[in-house]
Each structure stands twice: as C-alpha cells, then as structure tokens.
PDB file of N, CA and C in Angstrom:
ATOM      1  N   MET A   1      69.607 157.007 140.398  1.00  0.00           N
ATOM      2  CA  MET A   1      70.084 156.444 141.644  1.00  0.00           C
ATOM      3  C   MET A   1      71.598 156.630 141.770  1.00  0.00           C
ATOM      4  N   LEU A   2      72.303 156.425 140.656  1.00  0.00           N
ATOM      5  CA  LEU A   2      73.754 156.589 140.715  1.00  0.00           C
ATOM      6  C   LEU A   2      74.139 158.031 141.011  1.00  0.00           C
ATOM      7  N   VAL A   3      73.491 158.954 140.338  1.00  0.00           N
ATOM      8  CA  VAL A   3      73.794 160.366 140.563  1.00  0.00           C
ATOM      9  C   VAL A   3      73.535 160.724 142.014  1.00  0.00           C
ATOM     10  N   GLU A   4      72.417 160.291 142.535  1.00  0.00           N
ATOM     11  CA  GLU A   4      72.078 160.571 143.928  1.00  0.00           C
ATOM     12  C   GLU A   4      73.112 159.969 144.888  1.00  0.00           C
ATOM     13  N   TYR A   5      73.529 158.741 144.619  1.00  0.00           N
ATOM     14  CA  TYR A   5      74.529 158.094 145.468  1.00  0.00           C
ATOM     15  C   TYR A   5      75.818 158.915 145.492  1.00  0.00           C
ATOM     16  N   PHE A   6      76.285 159.313 144.301  1.00  0.00           N
ATOM     17  CA  PHE A   6      77.539 160.065 144.251  1.00  0.00           C
ATOM     18  C   PHE A   6      77.399 161.456 144.854  1.00  0.00           C
ATOM     19  N   GLU A   7      76.228 162.041 144.731  1.00  0.00           N
ATOM     20  CA  GLU A   7      76.012 163.331 145.379  1.00  0.00           C
ATOM     21  C   GLU A   7      76.114 163.202 146.896  1.00  0.00           C
ATOM     22  N   GLN A   8      75.617 162.109 147.430  1.00  0.00           N
ATOM     23  CA  GLN A   8      75.615 161.917 148.878  1.00  0.00           C
ATOM     24  C   GLN A   8      76.915 161.316 149.408  1.00  0.00           C
ATOM     25  N   ASN A   9      77.700 160.671 148.557  1.00  0.00           N
ATOM     26  CA  ASN A   9      78.891 159.951 149.022  1.00  0.00           C
ATOM     27  C   ASN A   9      80.185 160.421 148.365  1.00  0.00           C
ATOM     28  N   SER A  10      80.213 161.628 147.852  1.00  0.00           N
ATOM     29  CA  SER A  10      81.426 162.121 147.201  1.00  0.00           C
ATOM     30  C   SER A  10      82.334 162.786 148.210  1.00  0.00           C
ATOM     31  N   PRO A  11      83.606 162.695 148.041  1.00  0.00           N
ATOM     32  CA  PRO A  11      84.267 161.935 146.976  1.00  0.00           C
ATOM     33  C   PRO A  11      84.287 160.440 147.299  1.00  0.00           C
ATOM     34  N   VAL A  12      84.224 159.649 146.270  1.00  0.00           N
ATOM     35  CA  VAL A  12      84.280 158.195 146.409  1.00  0.00           C
ATOM     36  C   VAL A  12      85.752 157.796 146.429  1.00  0.00           C
ATOM     37  N   ALA A  13      86.114 156.986 147.384  1.00  0.00           N
ATOM     38  CA  ALA A  13      87.508 156.545 147.510  1.00  0.00           C
ATOM     39  C   ALA A  13      87.571 155.037 147.253  1.00  0.00           C
ATOM     40  N   PRO A  14      87.739 154.642 145.994  1.00  0.00           N
ATOM     41  CA  PRO A  14      87.803 153.202 145.708  1.00  0.00           C
ATOM     42  C   PRO A  14      89.080 152.594 146.270  1.00  0.00           C
ATOM     43  N   SER A  15      88.985 151.345 146.614  1.00  0.00           N
ATOM     44  CA  SER A  15      90.171 150.646 147.107  1.00  0.00           C
ATOM     45  C   SER A  15      90.331 149.339 146.328  1.00  0.00           C
ATOM     46  N   VAL A  16      91.561 148.920 146.204  1.00  0.00           N
ATOM     47  CA  VAL A  16      91.863 147.683 145.491  1.00  0.00           C
ATOM     48  C   VAL A  16      92.096 146.589 146.511  1.00  0.00           C
ATOM     49  N   ASP A  17      91.339 145.499 146.400  1.00  0.00           N
ATOM     50  CA  ASP A  17      91.540 144.388 147.327  1.00  0.00           C
ATOM     51  C   ASP A  17      91.901 143.097 146.601  1.00  0.00           C
ATOM     52  N   ASN A  18      92.080 143.180 145.258  1.00  0.00           N
ATOM     53  CA  ASN A  18      92.513 142.031 144.449  1.00  0.00           C
ATOM     54  C   ASN A  18      91.671 140.786 144.718  1.00  0.00           C
ATOM     55  N   ASN A  19      90.366 140.962 144.795  1.00  0.00           N
ATOM     56  CA  ASN A  19      89.489 139.832 145.086  1.00  0.00           C
ATOM     57  C   ASN A  19      88.915 139.187 143.822  1.00  0.00           C
ATOM     58  N   TRP A  20      89.495 139.476 142.656  1.00  0.00           N
ATOM     59  CA  TRP A  20      89.054 138.866 141.404  1.00  0.00           C
ATOM     60  C   TRP A  20      90.247 138.696 140.483  1.00  0.00           C
ATOM     61  N   ARG A  21      90.066 137.886 139.446  1.00  0.00           N
ATOM     62  CA  ARG A  21      91.117 137.701 138.450  1.00  0.00           C
ATOM     63  C   ARG A  21      90.482 137.222 137.146  1.00  0.00           C
ATOM     64  N   ILE A  22      91.169 137.465 136.071  1.00  0.00           N
ATOM     65  CA  ILE A  22      90.727 137.007 134.759  1.00  0.00           C
ATOM     66  C   ILE A  22      91.304 135.618 134.565  1.00  0.00           C
ATOM     67  N   THR A  23      90.479 134.668 134.172  1.00  0.00           N
ATOM     68  CA  THR A  23      90.954 133.305 133.978  1.00  0.00           C
ATOM     69  C   THR A  23      90.919 132.943 132.502  1.00  0.00           C
ATOM     70  N   GLY A  24      91.773 132.025 132.121  1.00  0.00           N
ATOM     71  CA  GLY A  24      91.779 131.526 130.755  1.00  0.00           C
ATOM     72  C   GLY A  24      92.584 132.361 129.789  1.00  0.00           C
ATOM     73  N   ILE A  25      93.189 133.453 130.262  1.00  0.00           N
ATOM     74  CA  ILE A  25      93.979 134.320 129.406  1.00  0.00           C
ATOM     75  C   ILE A  25      95.274 134.640 130.123  1.00  0.00           C
ATOM     76  N   ASP A  26      96.379 134.546 129.399  1.00  0.00           N
ATOM     77  CA  ASP A  26      97.679 134.887 129.963  1.00  0.00           C
ATOM     78  C   ASP A  26      97.980 136.341 129.616  1.00  0.00           C
ATOM     79  N   LEU A  27      97.987 137.205 130.621  1.00  0.00           N
ATOM     80  CA  LEU A  27      98.229 138.625 130.412  1.00  0.00           C
ATOM     81  C   LEU A  27      99.630 139.040 130.844  1.00  0.00           C
ATOM     82  N   SER A  28     100.592 138.160 130.727  1.00  0.00           N
ATOM     83  CA  SER A  28     101.956 138.421 131.162  1.00  0.00           C
ATOM     84  C   SER A  28     102.605 139.460 130.253  1.00  0.00           C
ATOM     85  N   GLU A  29     102.525 140.713 130.656  1.00  0.00           N
ATOM     86  CA  GLU A  29     103.052 141.789 129.830  1.00  0.00           C
ATOM     87  C   GLU A  29     104.571 141.736 129.699  1.00  0.00           C
ATOM     88  N   ASP A  30     105.256 141.129 130.648  1.00  0.00           N
ATOM     89  CA  ASP A  30     106.715 141.072 130.612  1.00  0.00           C
ATOM     90  C   ASP A  30     107.238 139.888 129.812  1.00  0.00           C
ATOM     91  N   ASP A  31     106.375 139.019 129.360  1.00  0.00           N
ATOM     92  CA  ASP A  31     106.787 137.847 128.599  1.00  0.00           C
ATOM     93  C   ASP A  31     107.258 138.282 127.214  1.00  0.00           C
ATOM     94  N   PRO A  32     108.486 137.950 126.814  1.00  0.00           N
ATOM     95  CA  PRO A  32     108.998 138.381 125.505  1.00  0.00           C
ATOM     96  C   PRO A  32     108.194 137.821 124.330  1.00  0.00           C
ATOM     97  N   ARG A  33     107.476 136.734 124.537  1.00  0.00           N
ATOM     98  CA  ARG A  33     106.642 136.182 123.461  1.00  0.00           C
ATOM     99  C   ARG A  33     105.523 137.150 123.095  1.00  0.00           C
ATOM    100  N   ARG A  34     105.031 137.894 124.073  1.00  0.00           N
ATOM    101  CA  ARG A  34     103.984 138.878 123.820  1.00  0.00           C
ATOM    102  C   ARG A  34     104.478 139.942 122.845  1.00  0.00           C
ATOM    103  N   ALA A  35     105.679 140.464 123.086  1.00  0.00           N
ATOM    104  CA  ALA A  35     106.263 141.472 122.196  1.00  0.00           C
ATOM    105  C   ALA A  35     106.478 140.897 120.796  1.00  0.00           C
ATOM    106  N   GLU A  36     106.865 139.634 120.728  1.00  0.00           N
ATOM    107  CA  GLU A  36     107.074 138.983 119.439  1.00  0.00           C
ATOM    108  C   GLU A  36     105.769 138.878 118.657  1.00  0.00           C
ATOM    109  N   ILE A  37     104.696 138.526 119.338  1.00  0.00           N
ATOM    110  CA  ILE A  37     103.385 138.435 118.683  1.00  0.00           C
ATOM    111  C   ILE A  37     102.950 139.809 118.183  1.00  0.00           C
ATOM    112  N   ILE A  38     103.139 140.837 118.991  1.00  0.00           N
ATOM    113  CA  ILE A  38     102.779 142.196 118.585  1.00  0.00           C
ATOM    114  C   ILE A  38     103.583 142.612 117.357  1.00  0.00           C
ATOM    115  N   GLU A  39     104.865 142.290 117.341  1.00  0.00           N
ATOM    116  CA  GLU A  39     105.721 142.608 116.195  1.00  0.00           C
ATOM    117  C   GLU A  39     105.234 141.899 114.926  1.00  0.00           C
ATOM    118  N   LEU A  40     104.809 140.657 115.057  1.00  0.00           N
ATOM    119  CA  LEU A  40     104.303 139.916 113.905  1.00  0.00           C
ATOM    120  C   LEU A  40     102.973 140.487 113.401  1.00  0.00           C
ATOM    121  N   ILE A  41     102.146 140.974 114.306  1.00  0.00           N
ATOM    122  CA  ILE A  41     100.898 141.629 113.902  1.00  0.00           C
ATOM    123  C   ILE A  41     101.225 142.916 113.162  1.00  0.00           C
ATOM    124  N   ASN A  42     102.106 143.728 113.744  1.00  0.00           N
ATOM    125  CA  ASN A  42     102.478 145.004 113.121  1.00  0.00           C
ATOM    126  C   ASN A  42     103.182 144.804 111.782  1.00  0.00           C
ATOM    127  N   GLY A  43     103.883 143.687 111.637  1.00  0.00           N
ATOM    128  CA  GLY A  43     104.573 143.388 110.388  1.00  0.00           C
ATOM    129  C   GLY A  43     103.665 142.777 109.327  1.00  0.00           C
ATOM    130  N   GLY A  44     102.425 142.493 109.691  1.00  0.00           N
ATOM    131  CA  GLY A  44     101.474 141.944 108.739  1.00  0.00           C
ATOM    132  C   GLY A  44     101.534 140.436 108.594  1.00  0.00           C
ATOM    133  N   TYR A  45     102.262 139.744 109.474  1.00  0.00           N
ATOM    134  CA  TYR A  45     102.391 138.289 109.392  1.00  0.00           C
ATOM    135  C   TYR A  45     101.302 137.555 110.167  1.00  0.00           C
ATOM    136  N   LEU A  46     100.645 138.277 111.080  1.00  0.00           N
ATOM    137  CA  LEU A  46      99.479 137.742 111.793  1.00  0.00           C
ATOM    138  C   LEU A  46      98.354 138.755 111.648  1.00  0.00           C
ATOM    139  N   PRO A  47      97.128 138.287 111.453  1.00  0.00           N
ATOM    140  CA  PRO A  47      96.020 139.241 111.329  1.00  0.00           C
ATOM    141  C   PRO A  47      95.729 139.935 112.662  1.00  0.00           C
ATOM    142  N   VAL A  48      95.228 141.144 112.566  1.00  0.00           N
ATOM    143  CA  VAL A  48      94.832 141.875 113.764  1.00  0.00           C
ATOM    144  C   VAL A  48      93.640 141.138 114.385  1.00  0.00           C
ATOM    145  N   PRO A  49      93.727 140.813 115.669  1.00  0.00           N
ATOM    146  CA  PRO A  49      92.650 140.038 116.307  1.00  0.00           C
ATOM    147  C   PRO A  49      91.485 140.923 116.735  1.00  0.00           C
ATOM    148  N   TYR A  50      90.570 141.204 115.812  1.00  0.00           N
ATOM    149  CA  TYR A  50      89.429 142.055 116.124  1.00  0.00           C
ATOM    150  C   TYR A  50      88.362 141.313 116.919  1.00  0.00           C
ATOM    151  N   GLU A  51      88.150 140.049 116.629  1.00  0.00           N
ATOM    152  CA  GLU A  51      87.062 139.294 117.244  1.00  0.00           C
ATOM    153  C   GLU A  51      87.430 138.695 118.598  1.00  0.00           C
ATOM    154  N   GLU A  52      88.697 138.311 118.774  1.00  0.00           N
ATOM    155  CA  GLU A  52      89.138 137.725 120.038  1.00  0.00           C
ATOM    156  C   GLU A  52      90.618 138.003 120.205  1.00  0.00           C
ATOM    157  N   SER A  53      91.113 137.886 121.411  1.00  0.00           N
ATOM    158  CA  SER A  53      92.512 138.159 121.702  1.00  0.00           C
ATOM    159  C   SER A  53      93.374 136.938 121.458  1.00  0.00           C
ATOM    160  N   TYR A  54      94.627 137.188 121.084  1.00  0.00           N
ATOM    161  CA  TYR A  54      95.603 136.104 121.034  1.00  0.00           C
ATOM    162  C   TYR A  54      96.037 135.802 122.458  1.00  0.00           C
ATOM    163  N   ASN A  55      96.309 134.535 122.724  1.00  0.00           N
ATOM    164  CA  ASN A  55      96.689 134.098 124.050  1.00  0.00           C
ATOM    165  C   ASN A  55      98.077 133.471 123.970  1.00  0.00           C
ATOM    166  N   LEU A  56      98.903 133.719 124.966  1.00  0.00           N
ATOM    167  CA  LEU A  56     100.247 133.134 124.964  1.00  0.00           C
ATOM    168  C   LEU A  56     100.210 131.614 124.989  1.00  0.00           C
ATOM    169  N   ALA A  57      99.105 131.045 125.439  1.00  0.00           N
ATOM    170  CA  ALA A  57      98.967 129.588 125.411  1.00  0.00           C
ATOM    171  C   ALA A  57      98.932 129.071 123.975  1.00  0.00           C
ATOM    172  N   ASP A  58      98.582 129.944 123.038  1.00  0.00           N
ATOM    173  CA  ASP A  58      98.519 129.581 121.622  1.00  0.00           C
ATOM    174  C   ASP A  58      99.773 130.001 120.868  1.00  0.00           C
ATOM    175  N   TYR A  59     100.837 130.308 121.581  1.00  0.00           N
ATOM    176  CA  TYR A  59     102.071 130.842 120.985  1.00  0.00           C
ATOM    177  C   TYR A  59     102.593 129.970 119.845  1.00  0.00           C
ATOM    178  N   ASP A  60     102.714 128.675 120.058  1.00  0.00           N
ATOM    179  CA  ASP A  60     103.281 127.795 119.028  1.00  0.00           C
ATOM    180  C   ASP A  60     102.450 127.823 117.746  1.00  0.00           C
ATOM    181  N   ALA A  61     101.139 127.788 117.887  1.00  0.00           N
ATOM    182  CA  ALA A  61     100.257 127.831 116.715  1.00  0.00           C
ATOM    183  C   ALA A  61     100.371 129.183 116.009  1.00  0.00           C
ATOM    184  N   LEU A  62     100.502 130.257 116.763  1.00  0.00           N
ATOM    185  CA  LEU A  62     100.645 131.575 116.160  1.00  0.00           C
ATOM    186  C   LEU A  62     101.963 131.689 115.404  1.00  0.00           C
ATOM    187  N   MET A  63     103.024 131.103 115.956  1.00  0.00           N
ATOM    188  CA  MET A  63     104.315 131.152 115.277  1.00  0.00           C
ATOM    189  C   MET A  63     104.279 130.350 113.966  1.00  0.00           C
ATOM    190  N   GLU A  64     103.576 129.230 113.974  1.00  0.00           N
ATOM    191  CA  GLU A  64     103.426 128.439 112.743  1.00  0.00           C
ATOM    192  C   GLU A  64     102.661 129.233 111.696  1.00  0.00           C
ATOM    193  N   LYS A  65     101.593 129.879 112.118  1.00  0.00           N
ATOM    194  CA  LYS A  65     100.781 130.679 111.193  1.00  0.00           C
ATOM    195  C   LYS A  65     101.603 131.834 110.633  1.00  0.00           C
ATOM    196  N   ALA A  66     102.397 132.502 111.475  1.00  0.00           N
ATOM    197  CA  ALA A  66     103.228 133.603 111.023  1.00  0.00           C
ATOM    198  C   ALA A  66     104.293 133.104 110.044  1.00  0.00           C
ATOM    199  N   ALA A  67     104.884 131.949 110.319  1.00  0.00           N
ATOM    200  CA  ALA A  67     105.905 131.387 109.426  1.00  0.00           C
ATOM    201  C   ALA A  67     105.297 131.060 108.060  1.00  0.00           C
ATOM    202  N   GLU A  68     104.089 130.535 108.039  1.00  0.00           N
ATOM    203  CA  GLU A  68     103.403 130.255 106.779  1.00  0.00           C
ATOM    204  C   GLU A  68     103.177 131.538 105.993  1.00  0.00           C
ATOM    205  N   ASN A  69     102.743 132.581 106.700  1.00  0.00           N
ATOM    206  CA  ASN A  69     102.489 133.862 106.040  1.00  0.00           C
ATOM    207  C   ASN A  69     103.776 134.498 105.526  1.00  0.00           C
ATOM    208  N   LYS A  70     104.887 134.351 106.270  1.00  0.00           N
ATOM    209  CA  LYS A  70     106.180 134.862 105.804  1.00  0.00           C
ATOM    210  C   LYS A  70     106.630 134.121 104.553  1.00  0.00           C
ATOM    211  N   ALA A  71     106.405 132.810 104.517  1.00  0.00           N
ATOM    212  CA  ALA A  71     106.832 132.000 103.367  1.00  0.00           C
ATOM    213  C   ALA A  71     106.056 132.367 102.096  1.00  0.00           C
ATOM    214  N   LYS A  72     104.839 132.848 102.248  1.00  0.00           N
ATOM    215  CA  LYS A  72     104.011 133.224 101.113  1.00  0.00           C
ATOM    216  C   LYS A  72     104.480 134.528 100.467  1.00  0.00           C
ATOM    217  N   ARG A  73     105.240 135.307 101.190  1.00  0.00           N
ATOM    218  CA  ARG A  73     105.673 136.626 100.669  1.00  0.00           C
ATOM    219  C   ARG A  73     106.916 136.526  99.847  1.00  0.00           C
TER     220      ARG A  73
END
C-alpha cells in the first residue's frame, strides 16, 4: 500500500506544522548544562545512558554522581 501510494503521489512534499511536541524531556541544546553532562560522560565520570536519556531536570543529581565518581579516582 505504501509503495502504491508513493507511486501515485510522488514527489511527496512534507510540511512542518509543529502540531506535536515531546513532553517530560528537556531538549535545550543551547543550555550549557547539556554540554557539561556530555563532557562528564566523555570523561568517564557519568555512565553512558544506554537504557534511558539523561534529562536536564536531573542535573543536580547527575552532578552529585559525577562528583562522587571523580572523588573515587
């Protein structure tokens, strides 16, 4: 059905209408705390989040965890 649709309606011209958003996660790419968290992951002070993403709302807890890991070294 998809192939048939695209054969009959190509080229498809998608448009962005911003009618949705992700909730519960702060994706502020310009926030300097984000860069700090990435630096701590790359430095080995925070584990790589394979199962779930780190959220800027958890910044204070992440900084405490990173400080504990730095103190252990």
